[in-house]
Protein backbone atom coordinates (compact mmCIF):
# COMPACT_ATOMS: atom_id res chain seq x y z
CA MET A 1 20.71 4.35 -13.49
CA ARG A 2 18.76 5.47 -10.81
CA VAL A 3 15.09 4.02 -11.36
CA SER A 4 13.58 1.52 -12.78
CA VAL A 5 9.84 2.24 -13.84
CA ILE A 6 7.66 -1.02 -13.24
CA ILE A 7 4.44 -1.15 -15.83
CA PRO A 8 2.09 -4.30 -15.26
CA CYS A 9 -0.26 -4.55 -18.41
CA TYR A 10 -3.57 -6.63 -19.40
CA ASN A 11 -5.37 -6.04 -22.17
CA ALA A 12 -4.62 -2.11 -21.68
CA GLU A 13 -4.03 -1.11 -25.28
CA ARG A 14 -6.84 1.56 -25.02
CA TYR A 15 -4.63 3.82 -22.06
CA LEU A 16 -0.95 1.98 -22.38
CA GLU A 17 0.49 4.45 -25.02
CA ALA A 18 -0.47 7.50 -22.86
CA CYS A 19 1.07 5.66 -20.10
CA LEU A 20 4.67 5.36 -21.73
CA ALA A 21 4.63 8.85 -23.14
CA SER A 22 3.94 10.54 -19.63
CA VAL A 23 6.83 8.07 -17.94
CA LEU A 24 9.07 8.84 -21.02
CA ALA A 25 8.42 12.39 -20.70
CA GLN A 26 9.76 12.95 -17.35
CA THR A 27 12.36 15.93 -16.44
CA MET A 28 15.26 12.99 -14.67
CA LYS A 29 16.42 11.50 -18.05
CA ASP A 30 18.47 8.37 -16.52
CA PHE A 31 15.63 5.66 -15.71
CA GLU A 32 14.37 2.55 -17.73
CA VAL A 33 11.04 1.43 -18.31
CA LEU A 34 9.94 -2.02 -17.59
CA VAL A 35 6.38 -3.05 -19.68
CA ILE A 36 5.81 -6.42 -18.34
CA ASN A 37 2.75 -7.70 -20.33
CA ASP A 38 0.84 -10.25 -18.72
CA GLY A 39 -0.57 -12.43 -21.49
CA SER A 40 -2.48 -9.78 -23.18
CA GLY A 41 -5.24 -10.74 -25.66
CA ASP A 42 -5.48 -6.67 -26.88
CA GLY A 43 -2.39 -4.76 -28.76
CA SER A 44 -0.94 -4.36 -25.78
CA LEU A 45 2.34 -6.25 -26.48
CA SER A 46 2.20 -4.36 -29.88
CA ILE A 47 2.62 -0.43 -28.36
CA ALA A 48 5.40 -1.55 -25.75
CA ARG A 49 7.25 -3.41 -28.25
CA ARG A 50 7.04 -0.28 -30.65
CA ALA A 51 7.88 2.41 -27.81
CA ALA A 52 10.87 -0.05 -27.16
CA GLU A 53 11.92 0.49 -30.68
CA ARG A 54 11.48 4.12 -30.50
CA ASP A 55 13.34 4.43 -26.93
CA ALA A 56 16.12 1.95 -25.69
CA ARG A 57 15.15 2.75 -22.19
CA VAL A 58 11.83 0.96 -22.51
CA ARG A 59 12.18 -3.03 -21.69
CA VAL A 60 9.49 -5.33 -22.49
CA PHE A 61 8.32 -8.70 -21.29
CA HIS A 62 6.00 -10.98 -21.96
CA GLN A 63 4.76 -13.93 -19.69
CA GLU A 64 1.52 -15.87 -19.75
CA ASN A 65 -1.52 -14.26 -17.79
CA ARG A 66 -0.64 -14.81 -13.80
CA GLY A 67 -1.86 -11.66 -12.21
CA VAL A 68 -0.77 -8.44 -11.33
CA CYS A 69 1.49 -9.54 -8.35
CA ALA A 70 3.43 -11.66 -10.41
CA ALA A 71 4.13 -9.48 -13.23
CA ARG A 72 5.18 -6.96 -10.66
CA ASN A 73 7.38 -9.32 -9.65
CA LYS A 74 8.68 -10.30 -13.10
CA GLY A 75 9.58 -6.34 -13.06
CA LEU A 76 11.57 -6.67 -9.69
CA GLU A 77 13.24 -9.42 -11.26
CA GLU A 78 14.54 -7.81 -13.76
CA ALA A 79 14.86 -4.21 -12.85
CA ARG A 80 18.70 -2.73 -13.06
CA GLY A 81 17.63 1.01 -10.89
CA GLU A 82 18.97 2.27 -7.84
CA PHE A 83 15.08 2.53 -6.89
CA VAL A 84 12.33 1.36 -8.40
CA THR A 85 8.41 2.83 -8.52
CA PHE A 86 5.19 1.00 -10.15
CA VAL A 87 2.57 3.03 -12.65
CA ASP A 88 -0.40 1.00 -13.81
CA ALA A 89 -0.92 0.47 -17.46
CA ASP A 90 -4.03 2.64 -17.51
CA ASP A 91 -2.24 5.81 -15.37
CA LEU A 92 -0.32 8.62 -15.93
CA LEU A 93 3.12 10.14 -13.95
CA GLU A 94 3.68 13.98 -13.90
CA PRO A 95 6.65 15.07 -15.39
CA ILE A 96 8.73 15.84 -12.50
CA ALA A 97 7.71 12.90 -10.69
CA LEU A 98 11.04 10.82 -10.24
CA GLU A 99 12.90 13.93 -9.96
CA ARG A 100 10.85 15.48 -7.29
CA MET A 101 10.87 11.46 -5.42
CA LEU A 102 14.50 11.30 -6.03
CA GLY A 103 15.32 14.32 -4.66
CA ALA A 104 13.75 13.39 -1.26
CA SER A 105 14.93 10.27 -1.25
CA GLU A 106 18.28 10.77 0.94
CA GLY A 107 18.64 8.64 3.69
CA ALA A 108 15.26 7.11 3.23
CA ASP A 109 14.60 3.90 2.08
CA MET A 110 10.47 4.51 0.53
CA VAL A 111 9.81 8.17 -0.77
CA VAL A 112 5.77 8.75 -0.58
CA CYS A 113 4.50 11.17 -3.17
CA LEU A 114 0.63 12.77 -3.52
CA HIS A 115 -1.82 11.08 -5.77
CA ARG A 116 -4.69 12.63 -7.71
CA THR A 117 -7.51 10.59 -9.56
CA PHE A 118 -8.84 11.73 -12.57
CA ASP A 119 -11.85 10.72 -15.23
CA GLU A 120 -12.70 11.43 -18.65
CA ARG A 121 -15.06 14.42 -17.52
CA GLY A 122 -12.03 15.53 -15.27
CA ASN A 123 -13.74 14.39 -12.22
CA GLY A 124 -11.54 13.49 -9.22
CA GLY A 125 -9.43 14.66 -6.30
CA ILE A 126 -6.24 14.32 -4.39
CA PHE A 127 -5.81 12.23 -1.97
CA TRP A 128 -3.40 13.02 1.15
CA PRO A 129 -2.15 10.12 3.41
CA GLU A 130 -2.88 10.54 6.63
CA GLY A 131 -1.64 13.17 9.41
CA ALA A 132 -1.06 10.40 12.12
CA TRP A 133 2.35 9.19 10.19
CA THR A 134 3.17 12.18 7.70
CA GLY A 135 3.32 14.31 10.94
CA ARG A 136 5.42 12.83 12.83
CA SER A 137 9.33 12.25 12.28
CA GLY A 138 12.44 9.65 12.62
CA GLU A 139 11.29 6.01 13.90
CA ALA A 140 7.94 7.53 14.91
CA ARG A 141 6.81 8.16 11.89
CA ARG A 142 7.74 4.53 10.58
CA ARG A 143 6.27 3.39 13.36
CA ALA A 144 2.73 5.41 12.55
CA ALA A 145 3.05 4.48 8.94
CA ALA A 146 3.26 0.41 10.01
CA LEU A 147 0.11 0.68 12.69
CA ARG A 148 -1.76 2.47 9.23
CA LEU A 149 -0.67 -0.47 7.22
CA ILE A 150 -1.48 -3.29 9.49
CA GLU A 151 -4.86 -1.22 9.93
CA GLY A 152 -5.68 -0.94 6.02
CA ASP A 153 -7.93 1.44 4.70
CA SER A 154 -4.95 3.60 4.14
CA VAL A 155 -3.20 5.43 1.15
CA LEU A 156 -0.04 4.27 1.71
CA ASN A 157 -1.91 0.84 0.93
CA ILE A 158 -1.33 1.41 -3.02
CA MET A 159 2.13 0.55 -5.04
CA CYS A 160 1.33 4.07 -6.81
CA ASN A 161 3.16 7.28 -5.80
CA LYS A 162 5.74 5.28 -4.16
CA LEU A 163 9.85 5.35 -4.57
CA HIS A 164 11.47 2.20 -2.98
CA ARG A 165 15.39 1.63 -2.89
CA ARG A 166 15.91 -1.12 -4.75
CA ALA A 167 18.69 -2.39 -2.08
CA LEU A 168 16.47 -3.05 0.46
CA LEU A 169 14.29 -4.96 -1.47
CA GLU A 170 16.55 -7.61 -2.66
CA ARG A 171 18.25 -7.48 1.04
CA GLU A 172 15.20 -8.24 2.52
CA HIS A 173 13.70 -10.33 -0.46
CA LEU A 174 10.76 -8.32 -0.85
CA ARG A 175 8.41 -9.46 -3.42
CA LEU A 176 4.76 -9.65 -3.68
CA ARG A 177 2.63 -12.40 -2.32
CA GLU A 178 0.52 -14.22 -5.51
CA GLY A 179 -2.60 -15.13 -4.39
CA ILE A 180 -3.72 -12.86 -2.32
CA ALA A 181 -6.36 -10.79 -3.99
CA ILE A 182 -7.16 -8.21 -1.55
CA ALA A 183 -4.15 -5.93 0.23
CA GLU A 184 -1.74 -7.95 -1.71
CA ASP A 185 0.26 -4.06 -2.10
CA ALA A 186 -0.77 -3.35 1.42
CA LEU A 187 1.75 -5.85 2.49
CA PHE A 188 4.34 -5.36 0.63
CA ASN A 189 4.45 -1.88 1.55
CA LEU A 190 4.34 -2.65 5.30
CA GLU A 191 6.93 -5.13 4.92
CA ALA A 192 9.18 -2.40 3.33
CA VAL A 193 8.40 -0.40 6.26
CA LEU A 194 9.24 -2.13 8.60
CA CYS A 195 12.64 -2.72 7.34
CA GLY A 196 13.70 0.07 5.65
CA ARG A 197 15.80 3.29 7.63
CA GLY A 198 12.54 5.37 6.89
CA ILE A 199 10.08 7.69 4.62
CA ALA A 200 10.15 10.40 3.07
CA PHE A 201 6.79 12.73 2.56
CA VAL A 202 6.75 15.10 -0.33
CA PRO A 203 3.41 16.91 -0.48
CA GLU A 204 3.25 16.90 -4.39
CA VAL A 205 1.45 15.30 -6.28
CA THR A 206 3.32 13.40 -8.81
CA TYR A 207 0.57 10.43 -9.79
CA ARG A 208 -2.85 10.40 -11.67
CA TYR A 209 -5.02 7.14 -11.44
CA ARG A 210 -7.30 7.30 -13.61
CA MET A 211 -11.00 5.92 -12.86
CA HIS A 212 -13.02 3.69 -15.08
CA GLY A 213 -15.13 1.17 -15.76
CA GLU A 214 -12.49 -0.72 -16.73
CA SER A 215 -9.75 -0.25 -13.57
CA ALA A 216 -9.19 -3.03 -11.31
CA THR A 217 -11.39 -3.74 -8.85
CA HIS A 218 -12.28 -6.74 -6.95
CA THR A 219 -15.76 -8.59 -6.66
CA ARG A 220 -16.50 -9.35 -3.51
CA THR A 221 -18.92 -12.25 -3.06
CA LYS A 222 -17.77 -12.83 0.49
CA SER A 223 -17.57 -11.39 3.32
CA GLU A 224 -15.16 -8.60 4.55
CA LEU A 225 -13.68 -10.61 6.50
CA ASP A 226 -13.35 -13.60 4.59
CA ALA A 227 -12.03 -11.23 1.50
CA HIS A 228 -9.34 -10.02 3.69
CA LEU A 229 -8.83 -13.61 5.39
CA PRO A 230 -5.53 -14.48 3.17
CA TRP A 231 -3.92 -10.76 3.69
CA LEU A 232 -4.33 -11.05 7.30
CA LEU A 233 -2.69 -14.46 8.01
CA ALA A 234 0.37 -13.63 5.52
CA MET A 235 0.76 -10.51 7.50
CA ARG A 236 0.21 -12.42 11.17
CA ASP A 237 3.12 -14.74 9.77
CA MET A 238 5.22 -12.04 8.74
CA LEU A 239 5.15 -10.05 11.42
CA LEU A 240 5.74 -13.09 13.59
CA ARG A 241 8.15 -14.38 11.31
CA ARG A 242 10.27 -10.74 11.92
CA GLY A 243 10.16 -11.00 15.22
CA GLN A 244 7.22 -7.79 15.36
CA LEU A 245 4.26 -9.44 16.22
CA GLU A 246 4.27 -8.44 19.80
CA ALA A 247 5.09 -5.03 18.76
CA TYR A 248 2.09 -4.76 16.73
CA TYR A 249 -0.34 -7.41 17.97
CA ALA A 250 -2.81 -4.20 19.28
CA ALA A 251 -2.93 -3.22 15.75
CA PHE A 252 -2.98 -6.69 14.22
CA PHE A 253 -6.07 -7.77 16.71
CA ASN A 254 -7.84 -4.47 15.87
CA ALA A 255 -7.42 -5.07 12.08
CA VAL A 256 -9.30 -8.34 12.24
CA VAL A 257 -12.04 -6.60 14.56
CA LEU A 258 -12.29 -3.74 11.70
CA ARG A 259 -13.58 -6.10 9.16
CA LEU A 260 -15.97 -8.02 11.73
CA TYR A 261 -17.35 -4.66 12.28
CA LYS A 262 -17.70 -3.50 8.80
CA ASP A 263 -19.23 -7.05 7.85
CA GLY A 264 -22.36 -6.48 10.99
CA GLY A 265 -21.52 -3.10 12.88
CA VAL A 266 -20.87 -3.81 16.50
CA PRO A 267 -23.98 -6.68 16.38
CA GLY A 268 -21.81 -8.06 13.91
CA VAL A 269 -18.40 -8.17 16.21
CA ILE A 270 -20.72 -9.19 19.51
CA ARG A 271 -22.22 -12.40 17.57
CA GLY A 272 -19.17 -12.87 15.10
CA PHE A 273 -15.77 -13.19 17.35
CA ARG A 274 -15.61 -16.43 19.12
CA GLU A 275 -16.09 -18.08 15.83
CA LYS A 276 -14.63 -16.06 12.80
CA ALA A 277 -12.22 -13.71 14.61
CA GLN A 278 -10.95 -15.70 17.81
CA PRO A 279 -8.89 -18.12 15.45
CA VAL A 280 -7.21 -15.53 13.43
CA VAL A 281 -6.00 -13.40 16.57
CA ALA A 282 -5.06 -16.60 18.99
CA VAL A 283 -1.36 -16.11 17.35
CA PRO A 284 0.69 -19.64 18.16
CA GLY A 285 3.93 -18.64 19.73
CA LEU A 286 3.17 -15.32 19.96
CA ASP A 287 5.06 -14.02 24.17
CA PRO A 288 2.46 -12.82 26.23
CA HIS A 289 5.30 -11.02 28.28
CA ARG A 290 6.37 -9.19 25.20
CA LEU A 291 3.04 -7.22 24.98
CA GLY A 292 2.44 -3.99 26.00
CA PRO A 293 -0.36 -3.13 28.61
CA GLY A 294 -2.87 -2.43 26.33
CA ALA A 295 -1.93 -5.73 23.36
CA HIS A 296 -2.10 -7.82 27.04
CA ALA A 297 -5.60 -6.67 27.83
CA LEU A 298 -6.95 -7.33 24.31
CA LEU A 299 -5.03 -10.97 24.61
CA TRP A 300 -6.74 -11.59 27.28
CA LEU A 301 -10.14 -10.70 26.31
CA GLY A 302 -9.83 -12.52 23.19
CA ARG A 303 -8.27 -15.77 25.17
CA SER A 304 -11.47 -15.49 28.14
CA GLY A 305 -14.10 -15.13 25.63
CA LEU A 306 -14.92 -11.87 27.25
CA TYR A 307 -13.91 -9.57 24.38
CA PRO A 308 -17.50 -9.74 22.87
CA ALA A 309 -19.21 -8.55 25.88
CA ALA A 310 -16.15 -5.48 26.17
CA TYR A 311 -16.22 -4.72 22.27
CA PRO A 312 -19.36 -1.49 23.34
CA LEU A 313 -17.36 0.03 25.43
CA ILE A 314 -14.09 -0.30 22.90
CA PHE A 315 -15.46 0.84 20.01
CA PRO A 316 -16.50 4.06 21.45
CA PHE A 317 -13.33 4.78 22.65
CA GLN A 318 -11.72 3.48 19.17
CA LEU A 319 -13.80 5.64 17.33
CA VAL A 320 -13.38 9.38 19.11
CA LYS A 321 -9.59 8.10 18.67
CA ARG A 322 -9.48 8.09 15.38
CA LYS A 323 -12.03 11.32 14.92
CA LEU A 324 -9.33 13.47 17.40
CA GLY A 325 -6.48 12.12 15.22
CA GLU A 326 -8.58 13.13 11.55
CA ALA A 327 -9.37 16.90 12.97
CA ALA A 328 -5.82 17.18 14.44
CA PHE A 329 -4.52 16.48 10.72
CA ARG A 330 -7.33 18.83 9.23
CA LEU A 331 -6.01 22.04 11.34
CA ARG A 332 -2.57 20.90 10.94
CA MET A 333 -3.10 21.15 7.48
CA ARG A 334 -4.73 24.64 7.69
CA LYS A 335 -2.27 26.06 9.27
CA GLU A 336 0.63 25.37 6.97
CA LYS A 337 -1.41 26.08 4.40
CA ARG A 338 -2.05 29.98 5.68
CA HIS A 339 1.39 29.71 6.08
CA GLY A 340 2.72 28.28 3.05
CA ASP A 341 0.08 31.07 1.35
CA ALA A 342 1.54 33.48 3.51
C-alpha cells in the first residue's frame, strides 16, 4: 500500500462527509484512510462508520478526547502505507493530490505542495512556501527548511499538504508531542527534516484549507513568548539530543527573541531579555567550540548581559536581510511565471 491518509476528527459532522469524498476521489487508488474519532459528541463517528461500510479502504478508530496530537499519533500507530499524509476533517484534498505527491517522492522523505484557503463565500488564496528553501536543492534546501522551521511562522509548519515516508518516522520514532498546544506541528516537521534524506517541492495546489468560525485556533491569554515556551523548550531539547543545537543555535536564539519582539517590539526585547529569554537560550550542555562565529557572538552577548544593548543594532540588519530575501523570492517567482507563460 502506497499511502495512509490520517484524518483526526473532533465534532466535524458538518464537514467530514465532504472531506472523505475528496479523499476517496483520488486519481491514485492505492491508499487507505484512517479516521481517528477523538471523542466527538456529534455524528462524526456515525458518518465515518458509514463511509467504512461503503469503502473497504476506510478504517475507523475511536478514542476518548485527547486532542489532535494524540489522534494523529494513533493514526501513525495504525498506518500501513509506505507514506503518510494528514488531512483535517474540515478540509479537502484535490483529486490529484496523492498522485502528484507520490510522483515527486523518489529520493525524498518529505514532499511539500501548495495549499489554498477557502471559505463559504469563495474567498481565499494560495500560500507559497518561502523561497529561502524552495529555491535551493539537496543539503542546502534541507538546512534552509530547518532554519525556517526553527524560526517559526512558516508555511512549512503545518501538517497538511505534506507526504512523509513512514519508514523514516518509524526508524526515528517520530511522533507529535502531546501537551504542546502551539507549534507542535512545526516541531514534528523539523525533526523529520533533520532526520530525512531530502525534501521535494511540488508547486501545485493539492490541499484546500477551509476557513470558518470553527477552525482550530488558539485563544491566547498569555504573551507570545509564554504561549510558545513549551515548543521552544521541546525544540531546544530535541536539537540538543540529536547533536544539532550548535549547528542551529543562532536560529534558535533568534526564534526566542522573535517571540519577545512580538510581545513588545524592540523596547520589549531590551526590557525583557534578561528575565524571560536568557533562561531559555542559556543551554546547559552547549559546546561553544562547535559554534559558528555568529552563533558564538550571540552566546557571548547573552551570557555577558550585553545583548539588550546590542539588539537595536542587530534588529535592522535582521530586518533588511529578511526583506531582501522576500524580494529575491518574488523576483524569482515572476521570472518563473514569465518562463511558464512563454
